[in-house]
Protein backbone atom coordinates (compact mmCIF):
# COMPACT_ATOMS: atom_id res chain seq x y z
CA MET A 1 -2.59 -30.06 4.68
CA SER A 2 -0.64 -29.64 1.49
CA ALA A 3 -1.82 -28.37 -1.85
CA THR A 4 -0.33 -28.90 -5.28
CA GLY A 5 1.30 -25.81 -6.63
CA ALA A 6 1.86 -24.61 -10.17
CA THR A 7 4.92 -26.80 -10.64
CA GLY A 8 3.16 -29.97 -9.40
CA ALA A 9 5.29 -29.85 -6.25
CA ASP A 10 3.70 -29.67 -2.81
CA THR A 11 3.42 -26.14 -1.46
CA PRO A 12 3.06 -26.53 2.30
CA ASP A 13 0.57 -24.40 4.13
CA ALA A 14 1.66 -22.18 7.01
CA PRO A 15 1.34 -24.32 10.19
CA ASP A 16 -1.01 -21.79 11.79
CA ALA A 17 -3.20 -21.32 8.75
CA PRO A 18 -6.70 -22.78 8.50
CA ASP A 19 -7.35 -25.45 5.93
CA ALA A 20 -9.48 -22.96 3.98
CA PRO A 21 -9.46 -19.21 4.02
CA GLY A 22 -13.12 -19.00 4.97
CA VAL A 23 -13.80 -17.82 8.53
CA ARG A 24 -16.35 -18.67 11.17
CA GLY A 25 -18.41 -16.23 13.12
CA PRO A 26 -20.00 -16.53 16.57
CA GLY A 27 -21.74 -19.85 17.12
CA GLY A 28 -19.72 -21.47 14.31
CA ALA A 29 -21.63 -19.79 11.54
CA VAL A 30 -19.56 -19.71 8.41
CA GLY A 31 -18.76 -16.17 7.33
CA ARG A 32 -18.34 -14.92 3.75
CA GLY A 33 -14.79 -15.90 2.90
CA PRO A 34 -12.63 -16.28 -0.23
CA ASP A 35 -14.23 -19.68 -0.93
CA ASP A 36 -17.45 -17.79 -1.69
CA ARG A 37 -15.94 -15.82 -4.60
CA ARG A 38 -16.29 -18.07 -7.66
CA GLU A 39 -14.81 -17.11 -11.00
CA SER A 40 -17.98 -15.63 -12.37
CA GLY A 41 -18.40 -13.48 -9.27
CA ARG A 42 -14.76 -12.44 -9.38
CA ARG A 43 -15.11 -11.17 -12.94
CA SER A 44 -18.26 -9.22 -12.22
CA GLY A 45 -17.28 -7.99 -8.76
CA ARG A 46 -20.22 -9.84 -7.19
CA VAL A 47 -19.89 -12.21 -4.32
CA PRO A 48 -22.30 -15.17 -3.76
CA ALA A 49 -24.31 -14.80 -0.55
CA ARG A 50 -24.48 -18.08 1.34
CA GLY A 51 -27.88 -19.13 2.53
CA ARG A 52 -29.73 -17.27 -0.17
CA PRO A 53 -32.00 -19.22 -2.50
CA GLY A 54 -30.18 -20.18 -5.64
CA GLY A 55 -26.90 -18.77 -4.38
CA ALA A 56 -27.85 -15.25 -5.39
CA PHE A 57 -24.94 -12.88 -5.83
CA ARG A 58 -24.36 -9.69 -4.04
CA ARG A 59 -21.62 -7.01 -4.37
CA PRO A 60 -19.20 -6.85 -1.44
CA SER A 61 -20.34 -4.36 1.13
CA ALA A 62 -18.79 -0.91 0.83
CA VAL A 63 -15.88 -0.07 3.00
CA ALA A 64 -17.07 2.83 5.10
CA VAL A 65 -15.33 6.04 5.96
CA GLY A 66 -11.91 4.42 6.18
CA GLY A 67 -12.23 3.15 2.63
CA LEU A 68 -11.57 6.65 1.38
CA ALA A 69 -8.23 6.53 3.16
CA VAL A 70 -7.41 3.23 1.50
CA ALA A 71 -8.18 4.74 -1.87
CA GLY A 72 -6.06 7.76 -1.10
CA ALA A 73 -3.14 5.51 -0.31
CA VAL A 74 -3.05 4.15 -3.82
CA LEU A 75 -4.23 7.12 -5.84
CA VAL A 76 -0.61 8.35 -6.08
CA SER A 77 1.24 9.33 -9.18
CA ALA A 78 3.79 11.94 -8.07
CA VAL A 79 6.53 12.38 -5.49
CA GLY A 80 7.17 15.72 -3.85
CA GLY A 81 7.99 17.21 -0.47
CA ALA A 82 7.44 15.49 2.86
CA GLY A 83 5.61 18.27 4.65
CA ALA A 84 2.54 17.24 6.62
CA PRO A 85 -0.56 19.12 5.59
CA GLY A 86 -2.91 20.56 8.20
CA GLY A 87 -6.57 21.41 8.19
CA THR A 88 -9.49 19.11 8.56
CA SER A 89 -9.43 15.36 8.14
CA ALA A 90 -10.91 15.78 4.70
CA ASP A 91 -8.18 18.27 3.79
CA ARG A 92 -5.58 15.82 5.01
CA ALA A 93 -7.12 12.95 3.05
CA ALA A 94 -7.11 15.04 -0.12
CA ALA A 95 -3.51 16.06 0.46
CA ARG A 96 -2.42 12.44 0.79
CA SER A 97 -3.46 11.73 -2.76
CA GLY A 98 -1.35 14.52 -4.14
CA PRO A 99 2.43 15.18 -4.32
CA GLY A 100 4.45 13.64 -1.51
CA ALA A 101 2.02 10.84 -0.79
CA ALA A 102 4.27 8.04 -2.10
CA VAL A 103 7.57 8.85 -0.41
CA ALA A 104 7.74 6.56 2.61
CA ARG A 105 6.15 6.11 6.06
CA PRO A 106 7.09 6.22 9.69
CA ALA A 107 7.95 2.98 11.44
CA SER A 108 5.10 4.07 13.68
CA ALA A 109 3.17 7.31 14.02
CA THR A 110 4.52 9.76 16.55
CA GLU A 111 1.23 10.03 18.38
CA PRO A 112 -2.35 8.85 17.91
CA GLY A 113 -4.31 10.92 15.40
CA ALA A 114 -1.28 12.87 14.17
CA GLU A 115 -0.76 13.43 10.47
CA PRO A 116 1.50 10.55 9.34
CA ARG A 117 4.90 11.73 8.18
CA PRO A 118 7.40 9.98 5.94
CA GLU A 119 10.01 7.92 7.73
CA LYS A 120 13.66 8.88 7.58
CA CYS A 121 16.36 6.41 8.48
CA ALA A 122 19.30 7.24 10.77
CA ASP A 123 21.44 8.29 7.77
CA GLY A 124 18.68 10.59 6.58
CA SER A 125 17.65 8.35 3.68
CA ASN A 126 14.20 7.28 2.65
CA PRO A 127 13.65 3.55 3.26
CA ALA A 128 11.55 3.30 0.06
CA GLU A 129 14.54 4.16 -2.12
CA SER A 130 15.83 1.14 -3.99
CA LEU A 131 18.42 0.26 -6.67
CA LYS A 132 18.00 1.43 -10.22
CA PRO A 133 16.46 -1.13 -12.55
CA SER A 134 18.56 -3.39 -14.78
CA GLY A 135 17.74 -6.31 -17.04
CA ALA A 136 21.16 -7.89 -16.50
CA SER A 137 21.55 -11.44 -15.14
CA GLY A 138 23.89 -11.56 -12.14
CA LYS A 139 24.62 -14.23 -9.62
CA ALA A 140 21.18 -14.36 -8.02
CA VAL A 141 19.29 -14.24 -11.32
CA GLU A 142 21.42 -17.01 -12.76
CA ARG A 143 20.86 -19.13 -9.57
CA ILE A 144 17.10 -18.94 -10.17
CA LYS A 145 17.43 -19.72 -13.85
CA LYS A 146 19.69 -22.71 -13.16
CA LYS A 147 17.29 -24.32 -10.72
CA GLY A 148 14.40 -23.58 -13.13
CA LYS A 149 11.98 -22.35 -10.51
CA LEU A 150 11.19 -19.28 -8.44
CA VAL A 151 10.55 -19.89 -4.79
CA VAL A 152 8.35 -17.15 -3.31
CA GLY A 153 7.07 -16.51 0.19
CA VAL A 154 3.42 -15.50 0.03
CA ASP A 155 0.25 -15.36 2.12
CA GLN A 156 -2.71 -17.69 1.72
CA ASN A 157 -4.99 -15.92 4.21
CA SER A 158 -5.30 -12.29 2.95
CA TYR A 159 -8.44 -12.02 0.87
CA LEU A 160 -7.85 -10.22 -2.46
CA TRP A 161 -4.09 -10.13 -1.86
CA GLY A 162 -2.88 -13.66 -1.43
CA TYR A 163 -5.39 -16.39 -0.59
CA ARG A 164 -5.98 -20.01 -1.49
CA ASP A 165 -9.07 -20.66 -3.52
CA PRO A 166 -10.49 -23.97 -2.14
CA ALA A 167 -12.24 -24.71 -5.43
CA THR A 168 -8.94 -24.92 -7.34
CA GLY A 169 -6.29 -25.21 -4.60
CA THR A 170 -4.41 -22.32 -6.18
CA ILE A 171 -3.20 -19.13 -4.51
CA GLU A 172 -4.58 -15.97 -6.08
CA GLY A 173 -4.71 -12.21 -5.47
CA PHE A 174 -3.13 -8.84 -6.22
CA ASP A 175 0.27 -9.89 -4.86
CA ILE A 176 0.15 -13.15 -6.79
CA ASP A 177 -0.33 -11.37 -10.11
CA LEU A 178 2.95 -9.55 -9.48
CA VAL A 179 4.73 -12.82 -8.58
CA LYS A 180 3.67 -14.26 -11.90
CA ALA A 181 4.96 -11.24 -13.82
CA ILE A 182 8.34 -11.58 -12.11
CA ALA A 183 8.52 -15.31 -12.82
CA ARG A 184 7.77 -14.80 -16.53
CA ASP A 185 10.59 -12.27 -16.76
CA LEU A 186 13.11 -14.54 -15.04
CA LEU A 187 12.04 -17.93 -16.42
CA GLY A 188 10.32 -17.22 -19.74
CA LYS A 189 6.75 -17.43 -20.93
CA ASP A 190 5.97 -20.52 -18.81
CA GLY A 191 7.48 -18.85 -15.72
CA ALA A 192 4.09 -18.65 -14.00
CA ASP A 193 3.97 -22.45 -14.06
CA ARG A 194 7.40 -22.72 -12.46
CA ILE A 195 6.62 -20.93 -9.21
CA VAL A 196 6.90 -22.63 -5.86
CA TYR A 197 4.65 -20.85 -3.36
CA ARG A 198 5.64 -21.09 0.28
CA THR A 199 3.00 -19.73 2.60
CA ILE A 200 4.58 -18.11 5.63
CA PRO A 201 3.26 -16.22 8.65
CA THR A 202 3.92 -12.51 9.04
CA ASP A 203 6.80 -12.90 11.54
CA GLN A 204 8.65 -15.43 9.36
CA ARG A 205 9.04 -13.27 6.26
CA VAL A 206 12.49 -11.89 7.10
CA PRO A 207 13.88 -15.24 8.44
CA ALA A 208 12.69 -17.05 5.30
CA ILE A 209 14.66 -14.67 3.14
CA GLN A 210 17.79 -14.56 5.29
CA SER A 211 17.93 -18.41 5.45
CA GLY A 212 17.55 -18.81 1.70
CA ASP A 213 14.29 -20.75 2.04
CA VAL A 214 12.75 -18.36 -0.51
CA ASP A 215 14.13 -16.23 -3.31
CA MET A 216 11.82 -13.39 -2.38
CA VAL A 217 8.72 -12.51 -0.37
CA VAL A 218 5.69 -10.83 -2.00
CA ARG A 219 3.27 -10.58 0.91
CA THR A 220 1.96 -7.04 1.58
CA MET A 221 5.30 -6.34 3.18
CA THR A 222 5.92 -2.75 4.32
CA ILE A 223 9.28 -1.15 3.53
CA ASN A 224 10.78 0.47 6.63
CA CYS A 225 14.23 1.33 8.06
CA LEU A 226 14.44 -1.66 10.40
CA ARG A 227 13.57 -4.17 7.71
CA ARG A 228 15.76 -2.47 5.12
CA ALA A 229 18.75 -3.31 7.36
CA GLN A 230 17.70 -6.99 7.29
CA VAL A 231 16.53 -7.55 3.70
CA ALA A 232 16.61 -5.71 0.36
CA PHE A 233 13.48 -4.21 -1.10
CA SER A 234 12.26 -3.36 -4.61
CA THR A 235 10.62 -0.05 -5.23
CA ALA A 236 7.11 0.31 -3.83
CA TYR A 237 4.19 -1.20 -5.76
CA PHE A 238 1.39 -0.18 -3.40
CA GLN A 239 0.83 2.10 -0.41
CA ALA A 240 -1.47 1.71 2.59
CA GLY A 241 -1.46 2.69 6.27
CA GLN A 242 -2.26 1.33 9.74
CA GLN A 243 -5.99 1.58 10.44
CA LEU A 244 -8.73 0.17 12.65
CA VAL A 245 -11.19 -2.54 11.73
CA VAL A 246 -14.17 -2.82 14.09
CA PRO A 247 -17.64 -4.34 14.14
CA LYS A 248 -20.28 -2.22 12.38
CA LYS A 249 -22.70 -2.68 15.29
CA HIS A 250 -21.93 -1.95 18.92
CA ALA A 251 -18.28 -1.16 18.29
CA ARG A 252 -16.50 -0.64 21.59
CA VAL A 253 -13.39 0.89 20.08
CA LYS A 254 -14.01 4.20 18.28
CA GLY A 255 -10.48 5.18 17.31
CA PHE A 256 -6.93 5.48 18.53
CA ASP A 257 -8.19 7.22 21.70
CA SER A 258 -9.45 6.59 25.22
CA SER A 259 -12.03 4.12 23.88
CA MET A 260 -9.18 1.61 23.56
CA ARG A 261 -8.47 1.48 27.29
CA GLY A 262 -9.05 -2.01 28.62
CA LYS A 263 -10.31 -3.29 25.25
CA HIS A 264 -8.84 -6.26 23.39
CA VAL A 265 -7.04 -4.99 20.27
CA CYS A 266 -5.69 -7.57 17.81
CA TYR A 267 -2.70 -7.42 15.45
CA ALA A 268 -0.24 -9.86 13.82
CA SER A 269 3.10 -10.77 15.36
CA GLY A 270 6.01 -9.16 13.53
CA SER A 271 3.77 -6.63 11.76
CA THR A 272 4.14 -2.86 11.56
CA ALA A 273 0.86 -2.71 13.50
CA GLU A 274 2.58 -4.48 16.42
CA LYS A 275 5.53 -2.10 16.26
CA MET A 276 3.25 0.91 16.27
CA MET A 277 1.10 -0.33 19.12
CA LYS A 278 4.16 -0.97 21.26
CA THR A 279 5.47 2.59 20.99
CA PRO A 280 4.98 4.65 24.16
CA ALA A 281 2.27 6.91 22.74
CA TYR A 282 0.07 4.01 21.56
CA ALA A 283 0.82 1.76 24.55
CA ALA A 284 -0.42 4.55 26.76
CA LEU A 285 -3.90 4.14 25.26
CA GLY A 286 -4.24 1.14 27.54
CA ALA A 287 -5.40 -1.51 24.98
CA ARG A 288 -5.05 -5.16 25.92
CA PRO A 289 -3.04 -6.77 23.04
CA VAL A 290 -4.20 -9.88 21.28
CA VAL A 291 -1.23 -11.03 19.14
CA VAL A 292 -1.78 -13.64 16.40
CA PRO A 293 0.39 -15.17 13.63
CA ASN A 294 -1.62 -13.71 10.73
CA GLN A 295 -3.86 -10.67 10.34
CA LEU A 296 -6.85 -12.77 9.21
CA ASP A 297 -6.78 -14.48 12.63
CA CYS A 298 -7.85 -11.13 14.05
CA LEU A 299 -11.05 -11.24 12.03
CA VAL A 300 -11.84 -14.60 13.51
CA ARG A 301 -11.11 -13.29 17.01
CA MET A 302 -13.50 -10.39 16.47
CA GLN A 303 -16.18 -12.75 15.19
CA LEU A 304 -15.78 -14.92 18.26
CA GLY A 305 -15.89 -11.87 20.60
CA GLU A 306 -12.32 -12.35 21.66
CA ALA A 307 -11.17 -9.03 20.21
CA ASP A 308 -12.87 -5.63 20.10
CA ALA A 309 -10.82 -4.22 17.23
CA THR A 310 -8.05 -5.01 14.77
CA VAL A 311 -5.08 -2.87 13.79
CA THR A 312 -3.84 -3.76 10.32
CA ASP A 313 -2.83 -2.23 7.00
CA SER A 314 -5.78 -0.33 5.49
CA ALA A 315 -5.51 -2.41 2.35
CA LEU A 316 -5.78 -5.68 4.29
CA GLY A 317 -8.55 -4.16 6.37
CA ALA A 318 -10.47 -3.51 3.17
CA GLY A 319 -10.12 -7.19 2.35
CA GLN A 320 -11.45 -8.12 5.76
CA ALA A 321 -14.45 -5.79 5.26
CA ALA A 322 -15.15 -7.35 1.87
CA GLN A 323 -14.91 -10.83 3.36
CA ASP A 324 -17.15 -10.13 6.30
CA PRO A 325 -19.76 -7.33 5.83
CA SER A 326 -20.28 -7.13 9.62
CA VAL A 327 -16.96 -5.21 10.03
CA GLU A 328 -15.66 -1.90 8.67
CA LEU A 329 -12.60 0.35 8.56
CA VAL A 330 -12.93 3.46 10.67
CA GLY A 331 -10.97 6.69 10.99
CA GLN A 332 -7.86 7.58 9.03
CA PRO A 333 -4.57 5.68 8.55
CA GLU A 334 -2.01 6.42 11.24
CA THR A 335 0.97 5.68 9.00
CA LEU A 336 2.14 5.66 5.38
CA GLU A 337 3.14 2.15 4.33
CA PRO A 338 4.68 1.32 0.97
CA TYR A 339 4.70 -2.36 0.01
CA GLY A 340 7.78 -3.82 -1.66
CA VAL A 341 9.18 -7.13 -2.87
CA ALA A 342 11.68 -8.32 -0.25
CA MET A 343 14.88 -10.16 -1.19
CA ASN A 344 18.26 -11.12 0.31
CA LEU A 345 20.64 -8.26 0.89
CA GLU A 346 23.31 -10.02 -1.21
CA ASP A 347 21.03 -10.34 -4.23
CA GLU A 348 21.50 -6.86 -5.66
CA ASP A 349 21.13 -8.05 -9.24
CA LEU A 350 17.82 -9.62 -8.45
CA VAL A 351 16.63 -6.40 -6.80
CA ARG A 352 17.52 -4.45 -9.96
CA ARG A 353 15.81 -7.07 -12.15
CA VAL A 354 12.61 -6.94 -10.11
CA ASN A 355 12.71 -3.14 -10.32
CA LYS A 356 12.97 -3.52 -14.10
CA VAL A 357 9.88 -5.73 -14.05
CA LEU A 358 8.04 -3.16 -11.94
CA GLU A 359 8.77 -0.43 -14.44
CA ASP A 360 6.74 -2.28 -17.09
CA TYR A 361 4.23 -3.60 -14.58
CA ARG A 362 3.22 -0.12 -13.39
CA GLU A 363 2.61 1.02 -16.90
CA HIS A 364 0.86 -2.00 -18.40
CA LYS A 365 -0.40 -4.45 -15.80
CA TRP A 366 -0.88 -2.79 -12.39
CA LYS A 367 -4.24 -1.17 -13.26
CA SER A 368 -5.78 -4.39 -14.66
CA SER A 369 -4.74 -6.30 -11.57
CA TYR A 370 -6.11 -3.51 -9.35
CA ASP A 371 -9.42 -3.60 -11.27
CA ARG A 372 -9.67 -7.36 -10.93
CA TRP A 373 -8.93 -7.69 -7.25
CA LEU A 374 -9.29 -4.38 -5.42
CA ALA A 375 -11.43 -1.86 -7.26
CA ASP A 376 -14.79 -3.20 -6.02
CA ASP A 377 -13.66 -2.95 -2.38
CA MET A 378 -11.66 0.28 -2.35
CA MET A 379 -14.64 2.62 -2.02
CA GLY A 380 -14.44 6.40 -2.29
CA THR A 381 -12.45 6.40 -5.54
CA GLU A 382 -15.09 8.01 -7.73
CA GLY A 383 -13.56 10.48 -10.17
CA LYS A 384 -10.07 9.43 -9.23
CA LYS A 385 -7.57 7.38 -11.15
CA PRO A 386 -5.89 4.63 -9.19
CA ALA A 387 -2.13 4.40 -9.72
CA PRO A 388 0.89 2.84 -8.04
CA PRO A 389 3.46 4.85 -6.09
CA GLU A 390 6.21 6.42 -8.18
CA PRO A 391 9.54 4.56 -7.79
CA LEU A 392 12.34 6.09 -5.75
CA TYR A 393 16.03 5.27 -6.32
CA ARG A 394 19.13 5.82 -4.20
CA ASP A 395 21.83 5.31 -6.84
């Protein structure tokens, strides 16, 4: 199917994506998906419960233990040393929200359960370091202005981040708010109406940028050394980590341990979860991989009994738990994953321009977008002030 985008042009759906972001559980029962969150519910943080008389609202179920780790990933406001704290899991969770939490992340953790350490590239640099911001208009910025539209690769399947609202046909979420801010800076006050959204699966993000099919990708894309050699990244605007999503009842997988042996563990093709699970230490756990195009497909597989657990970014896992109250995040994140806006390596002026937008966005708009989309589902944040990662620059 196709849906009409903000410009009036068709924005084709990803070929593997369902017609609507809602998901079905065992026996074909419709689960609580993005189509259930109407505007009134979105503003109040309540979600309509299907099958209840009068369509009564309920608040999304709390993300259990792992939700604290999700919160810790974004409650970052300072950059410091890269040392890995020791102590109990609670001590480690507290340490992650302090100095050093926003620096980078490993391409995969060194071993299951180990404290995640920042990644260093072969040249000793931090992959999350980007180019200093500038409001100048170079070749790439002028190209976008000349064509009068911004073509962006996004997701339509990640609840709260980038998903298509069946009631309106529009794509919404935390990532989409940032896309609109970038478009307004590049194309003027009506920039948000001149965006062409191209929904792409996880493993097509880099090819879409390299081929010029999109000007940028804003799709919960982790910055790491391998990807930095293929595409250019902005500074980080969010941080998460690889974590497990399992059924609340009768979970067969308990963690990144011996309980994985022989179990079906799902993750998206081309994701950092796949990269981590293919490393020797994680492969030795003996899980049977279930590889799908998009992380939401894993939720469907779990509902159908075709997967015992999902490995995905903790932030996306929180979205799954909000979408389906029968699953939850467990344990602690295995990695540190900063999200960035991805662009072509040749478009340095565009990278600097986006970093300029992010300077203002962090100060004036990030918190309101967080409150609108994520605050209700990032549990364990009581008494803490959510904040984006501090930007890191290499020049």
